[in-house]
Protein backbone atom coordinates (compact mmCIF):
# COMPACT_ATOMS: atom_id res chain seq x y z
CA MET A 1 0.00 0.00 0.00
CA ARG A 2 1.32 3.41 -0.92
CA CYS A 3 1.52 6.04 1.76
CA ARG A 4 1.59 9.76 2.07
CA LEU A 5 5.15 10.96 1.78
CA PRO A 6 6.30 12.97 4.77
CA VAL A 7 9.15 15.45 4.72
CA PRO A 8 11.79 15.48 7.41
CA PHE A 9 10.77 19.13 6.99
CA LEU A 10 13.36 21.95 6.41
CA GLY A 11 12.05 24.58 4.01
CA ARG A 12 11.00 22.71 4.92
CA GLY A 13 0.86 -4.55 16.11
CA ASP A 14 -0.80 -5.05 19.03
CA SER A 15 -2.49 -2.51 21.29
CA THR A 16 -1.23 -4.21 24.44
CA SER A 17 2.25 -5.20 25.51
CA ALA A 18 3.74 -7.45 28.12
CA GLU A 19 6.30 -4.72 28.83
CA GLY A 20 3.89 -2.38 30.60
CA ASP A 21 0.37 -1.15 31.07
CA VAL A 22 -1.16 0.67 28.12
CA ASP A 23 -3.64 3.53 28.16
CA LEU A 24 -5.13 4.33 24.79
CA ILE A 25 -5.91 7.82 23.61
CA ASP A 26 -8.80 7.83 21.17
CA THR A 27 -9.76 10.70 18.89
CA ASP A 28 -13.35 11.84 19.18
CA PRO A 29 -15.37 13.25 16.25
CA ASP A 30 -14.06 16.78 16.80
CA HIS A 31 -10.53 15.42 16.33
CA THR A 32 -9.40 15.88 19.91
CA PRO A 33 -7.60 13.09 21.81
CA VAL A 34 -9.43 11.80 24.86
CA ILE A 35 -8.57 8.93 27.18
CA GLY A 36 -10.65 5.90 26.41
CA PRO A 37 -10.65 2.10 26.48
CA PRO A 38 -8.80 0.14 23.78
CA ASN A 39 -10.80 -1.08 20.82
CA GLN A 40 -10.70 -4.82 20.41
CA GLY A 41 -9.59 -6.56 17.23
CA GLU A 42 -8.84 -4.83 13.95
CA PRO A 43 -9.60 -1.11 13.56
CA ARG A 44 -12.87 -0.22 11.90
CA PRO A 45 -12.61 1.29 8.39
CA GLY A 46 -12.15 5.04 8.65
CA GLU A 47 -11.42 4.86 12.39
CA MET A 48 -9.20 7.66 13.58
CA PRO A 49 -5.75 6.75 14.96
CA ARG A 50 -5.18 6.24 18.68
CA LEU A 51 -2.14 7.11 20.79
CA ALA A 52 -0.98 4.24 23.02
CA ARG A 53 0.95 4.87 26.24
CA HIS A 54 3.46 2.30 27.50
CA GLN A 55 6.13 1.89 30.11
CA ILE A 56 9.08 -0.06 28.71
CA THR A 57 12.09 -1.48 30.57
CA LEU A 58 15.61 -1.01 29.21
CA ALA A 59 18.31 -3.66 29.52
CA ASP A 60 19.63 -2.14 32.76
CA GLY A 61 16.15 -2.08 34.33
CA HIS A 62 15.49 1.64 33.78
CA LYS A 63 11.76 2.16 33.24
CA VAL A 64 10.75 4.69 30.59
CA GLY A 65 7.36 6.05 29.57
CA ILE A 66 6.52 6.49 25.89
CA ALA A 67 3.44 7.17 23.77
CA VAL A 68 3.16 6.13 20.12
CA CYS A 69 0.78 6.30 17.18
CA GLY A 70 0.81 6.10 13.40
CA ARG A 71 2.96 4.59 10.71
CA GLY A 72 5.73 6.05 8.58
CA VAL A 73 8.85 8.13 9.17
CA PRO A 74 9.69 8.19 12.91
CA LEU A 75 9.12 11.56 14.59
CA VAL A 76 10.49 11.56 18.15
CA MET A 77 9.03 14.26 20.41
CA VAL A 78 10.78 15.29 23.64
CA HIS A 79 8.90 17.48 26.10
CA GLY A 80 10.00 20.43 28.22
CA PHE A 81 10.89 20.77 31.91
CA THR A 82 8.10 19.61 34.29
CA ALA A 83 6.02 18.26 31.37
CA GLU A 84 5.60 14.78 29.85
CA GLY A 85 5.02 13.34 26.40
CA LEU A 86 1.30 12.76 26.79
CA LEU A 87 0.79 16.49 27.24
CA TYR A 88 1.39 16.90 23.49
CA ALA A 89 -1.17 14.26 22.49
CA GLN A 90 -3.42 16.72 20.66
CA THR A 91 -0.62 18.00 18.46
CA LEU A 92 0.88 14.55 17.85
CA SER A 93 -2.43 13.04 16.76
CA ARG A 94 -2.60 15.63 13.99
CA LEU A 95 0.76 14.56 12.53
CA VAL A 96 -0.17 10.94 11.84
CA SER A 97 -1.95 11.72 8.56
CA ALA A 98 1.25 13.35 7.27
CA GLY A 99 2.94 9.94 7.22
CA TYR A 100 4.72 9.97 10.58
CA LYS A 101 4.93 7.43 13.38
CA VAL A 102 4.93 9.82 16.33
CA VAL A 103 6.84 8.71 19.41
CA ALA A 104 6.73 10.87 22.57
CA ILE A 105 9.33 9.94 25.18
CA ASP A 106 9.19 10.91 28.86
CA THR A 107 12.64 12.09 29.92
CA ALA A 108 14.31 11.05 33.18
CA GLY A 109 12.35 12.15 36.24
CA HIS A 110 9.26 13.07 34.21
CA GLY A 111 6.03 11.26 33.41
CA SER A 112 6.43 7.48 33.70
CA THR A 113 10.23 7.53 33.47
CA GLN A 114 12.48 6.86 36.43
CA GLY A 115 15.00 9.51 37.43
CA LEU A 116 18.71 9.13 36.87
CA PRO A 117 20.90 7.62 39.59
CA PRO A 118 22.97 9.90 41.87
CA GLY A 119 25.70 11.65 39.93
CA GLY A 120 23.62 11.69 36.75
CA ALA A 121 22.70 15.37 36.95
CA GLU A 122 24.47 16.31 33.71
CA ILE A 123 22.13 17.13 30.87
CA SER A 124 24.28 14.96 28.63
CA GLU A 125 23.14 11.98 30.73
CA TYR A 126 19.53 12.82 29.90
CA SER A 127 20.42 12.90 26.20
CA ARG A 128 22.26 9.58 26.44
CA LEU A 129 19.22 7.99 28.10
CA LEU A 130 17.11 9.34 25.25
CA ARG A 131 19.43 7.73 22.71
CA ARG A 132 19.25 4.41 24.58
CA VAL A 133 15.46 4.54 24.43
CA VAL A 134 15.57 5.20 20.69
CA ASP A 135 17.96 2.24 20.30
CA HIS A 136 15.74 0.00 22.44
CA LEU A 137 12.71 0.86 20.32
CA GLY A 138 14.57 -0.08 17.14
CA ILE A 139 14.54 3.36 15.51
CA LYS A 140 17.55 3.83 13.20
CA GLN A 141 16.86 7.40 12.07
CA ALA A 142 14.24 9.96 13.03
CA VAL A 143 13.03 13.52 12.90
CA PHE A 144 13.85 14.78 16.41
CA VAL A 145 11.55 17.45 17.87
CA GLY A 146 12.25 19.09 21.23
CA HIS A 147 10.32 21.67 23.23
CA SER A 148 12.21 23.86 25.74
CA MET A 149 14.56 21.57 27.72
CA GLY A 150 13.73 18.77 25.28
CA GLY A 151 15.23 20.91 22.53
CA ARG A 152 18.60 20.82 24.28
CA MET A 153 18.38 17.02 24.53
CA VAL A 154 17.60 16.44 20.85
CA THR A 155 20.29 18.94 19.84
CA GLU A 156 22.87 17.04 21.85
CA LEU A 157 21.64 13.68 20.55
CA ALA A 158 21.85 14.84 16.93
CA ALA A 159 25.27 16.47 17.37
CA ASP A 160 26.71 13.35 19.01
CA ASN A 161 24.95 10.92 16.64
CA PRO A 162 24.52 12.78 13.33
CA GLU A 163 23.81 9.58 11.43
CA ARG A 164 20.62 9.13 13.49
CA ALA A 165 19.03 12.51 12.72
CA LEU A 166 16.98 13.08 9.58
CA SER A 167 16.36 16.60 10.89
CA VAL A 168 15.96 18.58 14.11
CA ILE A 169 13.04 20.82 15.04
CA LEU A 170 13.47 23.14 18.03
CA LEU A 171 10.38 24.54 19.74
CA ASP A 172 11.27 27.46 22.04
CA ALA A 173 14.34 25.41 22.92
CA ILE A 174 17.01 26.26 25.48
CA VAL A 175 19.88 26.27 22.98
CA GLY A 176 21.65 29.25 21.44
CA GLU A 177 24.06 31.94 22.61
CA THR A 178 21.38 33.88 24.49
CA TRP A 179 20.55 30.87 26.64
CA ASP A 180 24.23 30.04 27.15
CA LYS A 181 24.69 33.52 28.64
CA LEU A 182 21.66 33.01 30.89
CA VAL A 183 23.11 29.74 32.19
CA THR A 184 26.28 31.62 33.18
CA LEU A 185 24.11 34.04 35.18
CA PHE A 186 22.24 31.15 36.81
CA ARG A 187 25.52 29.79 38.13
CA THR A 188 26.47 33.09 39.73
CA ASN A 189 22.97 33.75 41.03
CA PRO A 190 20.76 30.63 41.25
CA LEU A 191 17.83 32.85 42.27
CA LEU A 192 17.58 33.89 38.62
CA LEU A 193 16.71 30.31 37.73
CA GLY A 194 13.90 30.56 40.28
CA TRP A 195 12.68 33.65 38.44
CA ILE A 196 12.68 31.70 35.16
CA GLY A 197 10.74 28.97 36.91
CA ALA A 198 8.17 31.48 38.13
CA VAL A 199 7.80 32.87 34.61
CA LEU A 200 7.30 29.35 33.26
CA ALA A 201 4.71 28.64 35.97
CA LEU A 202 2.78 31.79 35.04
CA ASP A 203 3.02 30.86 31.38
CA SER A 204 1.67 27.40 32.15
CA VAL A 205 -1.30 28.93 33.98
CA ALA A 206 -1.92 31.27 31.07
CA THR A 207 -1.75 28.29 28.71
CA VAL A 208 -5.13 27.06 29.96
CA PRO A 209 -7.60 29.23 28.01
CA LEU A 210 -10.40 29.22 30.58
CA LEU A 211 -12.23 32.20 29.08
CA ARG A 212 -11.12 32.20 25.44
CA ASP A 213 -11.61 28.48 24.79
CA PRO A 214 -13.26 26.56 27.67
CA GLY A 215 -13.36 23.36 25.62
CA GLN A 216 -9.60 23.38 25.10
CA ALA A 217 -9.14 24.21 28.79
CA VAL A 218 -11.02 21.04 29.75
CA LYS A 219 -8.93 18.92 27.35
CA LEU A 220 -5.66 20.32 28.69
CA ALA A 221 -6.81 19.74 32.25
CA ARG A 222 -7.57 16.12 31.42
CA LEU A 223 -4.13 15.61 29.88
CA THR A 224 -2.26 17.32 32.73
CA GLN A 225 -4.02 15.82 35.75
CA GLY A 226 -1.66 12.83 36.03
CA MET A 227 1.42 15.02 35.64
CA LEU A 228 0.25 17.46 38.30
CA LEU A 229 -0.56 14.65 40.72
CA ARG A 230 2.88 13.05 40.37
CA THR A 231 4.58 16.41 40.87
CA ALA A 232 2.48 17.18 43.95
CA VAL A 233 3.30 13.80 45.49
CA ASN A 234 7.05 14.05 44.81
CA PRO A 235 8.14 17.56 43.79
CA LEU A 236 11.81 16.70 44.40
CA ARG A 237 11.77 14.42 41.36
CA LEU A 238 12.27 17.58 39.28
CA ALA A 239 15.36 18.70 41.21
CA GLY A 240 17.71 16.64 39.02
CA PRO A 241 16.55 18.11 35.71
CA GLY A 242 16.68 21.61 37.19
CA ILE A 243 20.26 21.14 38.39
CA SER A 244 21.24 19.73 35.01
CA ILE A 245 20.19 23.00 33.38
CA ILE A 246 22.52 24.99 35.64
CA ARG A 247 25.37 22.57 34.97
CA SER A 248 24.85 22.38 31.21
CA THR A 249 27.78 23.16 28.95
CA PRO A 250 27.48 25.75 26.14
CA SER A 251 25.16 24.71 23.32
CA LYS A 252 27.01 26.63 20.58
CA PRO A 253 29.49 23.79 19.82
CA LEU A 254 26.58 21.37 19.44
CA LEU A 255 24.83 23.65 16.96
CA GLU A 256 28.07 24.13 15.06
CA GLN A 257 28.45 20.36 14.83
CA ILE A 258 24.91 20.09 13.45
CA ARG A 259 25.81 22.65 10.79
CA ARG A 260 29.07 20.88 9.91
CA LYS A 261 27.26 17.57 9.53
CA GLY A 262 24.60 19.22 7.36
CA ILE A 263 21.66 18.16 9.54
CA PRO A 264 18.57 20.20 8.57
CA LEU A 265 17.39 22.29 11.52
CA MET A 266 14.35 24.47 12.03
CA ALA A 267 13.81 26.63 15.10
CA ILE A 268 10.18 27.59 15.76
CA HIS A 269 9.91 30.22 18.49
CA GLY A 270 7.23 32.44 19.99
CA ASP A 271 7.98 36.17 19.84
CA ARG A 272 6.45 36.70 23.31
CA ASP A 273 8.45 34.02 25.10
CA ILE A 274 9.84 35.80 28.17
CA ALA A 275 11.51 32.78 29.79
CA VAL A 276 13.42 31.75 26.64
CA PRO A 277 13.64 34.89 24.48
CA LEU A 278 13.23 34.86 20.72
CA SER A 279 16.90 35.81 20.36
CA THR A 280 17.68 32.30 21.65
CA GLY A 281 15.91 30.62 18.73
CA ARG A 282 17.34 33.16 16.31
CA SER A 283 20.86 32.37 17.52
CA ALA A 284 20.31 28.59 17.35
CA ALA A 285 19.01 28.72 13.78
CA ARG A 286 21.81 31.03 12.64
CA ILE A 287 24.63 28.97 14.19
CA ALA A 288 23.21 25.70 12.84
CA GLY A 289 22.65 27.17 9.38
CA GLY A 290 18.95 26.43 9.70
CA GLN A 291 15.63 28.23 9.48
CA LEU A 292 13.75 30.36 11.96
CA VAL A 293 9.96 30.44 12.07
CA VAL A 294 8.51 33.09 14.39
CA VAL A 295 5.12 32.37 15.97
CA GLU A 296 3.45 35.75 16.31
CA GLY A 297 2.06 36.30 19.80
CA GLY A 298 3.41 32.94 20.96
CA THR A 299 4.55 32.56 24.57
CA HIS A 300 6.71 29.68 25.80
CA SER A 301 3.85 27.16 25.67
CA TRP A 302 2.09 28.27 22.48
CA LEU A 303 2.35 24.66 21.34
CA LEU A 304 -0.11 23.62 24.04
CA LYS A 305 -2.42 26.60 23.68
CA ASP A 306 -3.16 25.69 20.08
CA PRO A 307 -2.50 22.14 18.83
CA GLU A 308 -3.16 23.23 15.22
CA THR A 309 -0.28 25.67 14.71
CA PHE A 310 2.71 23.31 14.71
CA PRO A 311 1.10 20.81 12.29
CA ALA A 312 0.10 23.73 10.05
CA ILE A 313 3.70 24.99 9.97
CA LEU A 314 4.89 21.51 8.99
CA ARG A 315 2.22 21.19 6.29
CA GLU A 316 3.33 24.51 4.83
CA SER A 317 6.93 23.32 4.87
CA MET A 318 6.01 20.02 3.22
CA ALA A 319 4.16 21.77 0.42
CA SER A 320 7.04 24.12 -0.41
CA PRO A 321 9.33 23.34 -3.39
CA MET A 322 12.30 23.05 -1.04
CA GLY A 323 10.37 20.70 1.20
CA GLN A 324 9.42 18.46 -1.71
CA GLN A 325 13.00 18.44 -2.96
CA GLY A 326 14.24 17.54 0.52
CA ARG A 327 11.73 14.70 0.77
CA ASP A 328 12.70 13.24 -2.58
CA SER A 329 16.44 13.49 -1.86
CA MET A 330 16.09 11.96 1.59
CA PHE A 331 14.02 9.05 0.28
CA ARG A 332 16.43 8.33 -2.57
CA LYS A 333 19.35 8.37 -0.13
CA ALA A 334 17.50 5.70 1.85
CA GLY A 335 16.96 3.65 -1.33
CA ILE A 336 13.25 4.50 -1.60
CA ASP A 337 11.44 5.61 -4.74
CA PRO A 338 9.67 8.79 -3.55
CA ARG A 339 6.89 8.30 -6.13
CA ALA A 340 6.04 4.75 -5.11
CA ALA A 341 6.96 4.55 -1.42
CA THR A 342 5.06 2.19 0.83
CA PHE A 343 4.89 1.95 4.60
CA ASP A 344 6.91 -1.26 4.34
CA ASP A 345 9.62 0.65 2.45
CA LEU A 346 9.78 3.28 5.21
CA GLU A 347 9.95 0.67 7.94
CA ARG A 348 12.81 -1.16 6.24
CA ALA A 349 14.72 2.11 5.81
CA PHE A 350 14.25 3.80 9.19
CA TYR A 351 13.69 0.95 11.68
CA GLU A 352 15.62 -2.13 12.73
CA PRO A 353 14.14 -5.49 11.65
CA GLY A 354 11.51 -6.55 14.17
CA ALA A 355 11.67 -3.17 15.94
CA LEU A 356 9.88 -3.10 19.30
CA ILE A 357 8.17 0.19 18.44
CA HIS A 358 6.03 -1.56 15.83
CA ARG A 359 4.64 -3.96 18.42
CA LEU A 360 3.82 -1.06 20.71
CA THR A 361 1.94 0.89 18.03
CA PRO A 362 -1.85 0.45 18.08
CA ALA A 363 -3.44 -0.66 14.83
CA PHE A 364 -5.23 1.96 12.77
CA ASP A 365 -6.82 2.22 9.35
CA PRO A 366 -4.02 3.37 6.97
CA LEU A 367 -6.70 4.65 4.59
CA TRP A 368 -7.88 7.11 7.24
CA ARG A 369 -7.50 10.69 6.18
CA GLU A 370 -7.47 13.65 8.51
CA PRO A 371 -10.59 15.81 8.39
CA ALA A 372 -10.13 19.31 7.07
CA PRO A 373 -7.83 20.86 9.69
CA ARG A 374 -9.06 23.71 11.80
CA LEU A 375 -7.50 27.09 11.26
CA PRO A 376 -4.54 27.66 13.59
CA LYS A 377 -4.95 30.37 16.20
CA PHE A 378 -1.45 31.77 15.67
CA ARG A 379 0.12 33.38 12.64
CA TRP A 380 3.78 32.89 11.81
CA HIS A 381 6.49 34.05 9.45
CA THR A 382 9.95 32.90 8.39
CA GLU A 383 12.77 35.25 9.33
CA ASP A 384 15.84 35.70 7.14
CA LEU A 385 19.10 35.03 8.96
CA ASP A 386 22.72 35.84 8.32
CA VAL A 387 24.54 32.72 7.17
CA PRO A 388 27.68 31.89 9.21
CA ASP A 389 30.93 32.44 7.33
CA ASP A 390 31.84 28.75 7.37
CA ALA A 391 28.38 27.47 6.36
CA GLU A 392 29.80 26.37 3.00
CA ASP A 393 31.90 23.79 4.87
CA ALA A 394 28.80 21.84 5.85
CA GLU A 395 28.56 18.29 4.59
CA PRO A 396 25.85 17.80 1.91
CA THR A 397 22.44 16.57 3.04
CA ALA A 398 19.20 15.50 1.43
CA ASP A 399 17.90 19.04 1.54
CA ALA A 400 21.12 20.53 0.22
CA ALA A 401 21.60 17.92 -2.49
């Protein structure tokens, strides 16, 4: 069966598992994920895809929470500080029809994932755990997407393992020269990190649109209730990730490595993000030789306020001539005919044989097509950036070929 061909962007099994309990996220008629019981047997024709939540166990016994849905090119989503993968369920469900298998991973000390052992408070340890999870799931290459702190993790993973990254998408990520300077200030005055935390807390409260969109407020509350309960019971579980931010090394060398290896990178950043200023995303995109998309009116958690905007930005990128060229080049590099690609072709190219992630993915009707998407609440524009002087030294990629 032929499939929709996704773009790694730039310019773009079974529904239960012996490895852990599974909650299924169904999509109701208004295309919004809600928690519901698993459907039995094969999916009904035209049935919308469901996001399955698992807890897997790595070889060393470390338990990790993931959520997965769809079939196609792997898109690995890493959440921000204090959040968890399930919080992005609404956005992720909208990416399935673009030909992605979306995989949200809870980082150490968040969601259903155990914290790191004592002495593991380096952010590089969080990135290495992320890579081990990707290995355990049998994903050879992926589009890596990171929000806030998750953006630092996927940047480090891609820089250290460039052969694994089809592309990198940063969403208000804590990478770039502006953030590196802030980290230096945090070390001299840790109270400033508390101020950032307070700003993020206020932003999170403002994310719930109680008056503007009560329906969305209810959906967000449903998705966040488990996260809030776990944090209330054990707030110290977030101490490790917070310390790792203060101890993080500069991100500029990582971004330079991404540019040298020719990994496509797109930074998407809200222009009203106070905690992680727009100049941070601008710096990250410029150093990496990537693109910057500015979300107009977007605060740090714009992604949660409107689950339509990020998918709409990706759709626009996919439809662009550069996006189509990048898709075709990337597929040919993987030995796939872009005009006749099948899901089986994608799975052979981007996953290990017998990959665990396939067994964890709930069945869905591959003929399902997304209803006409709602209009996004945010507008955005692409900002021109100065190209670094040594950008011509970058290794060729699918998008540059």
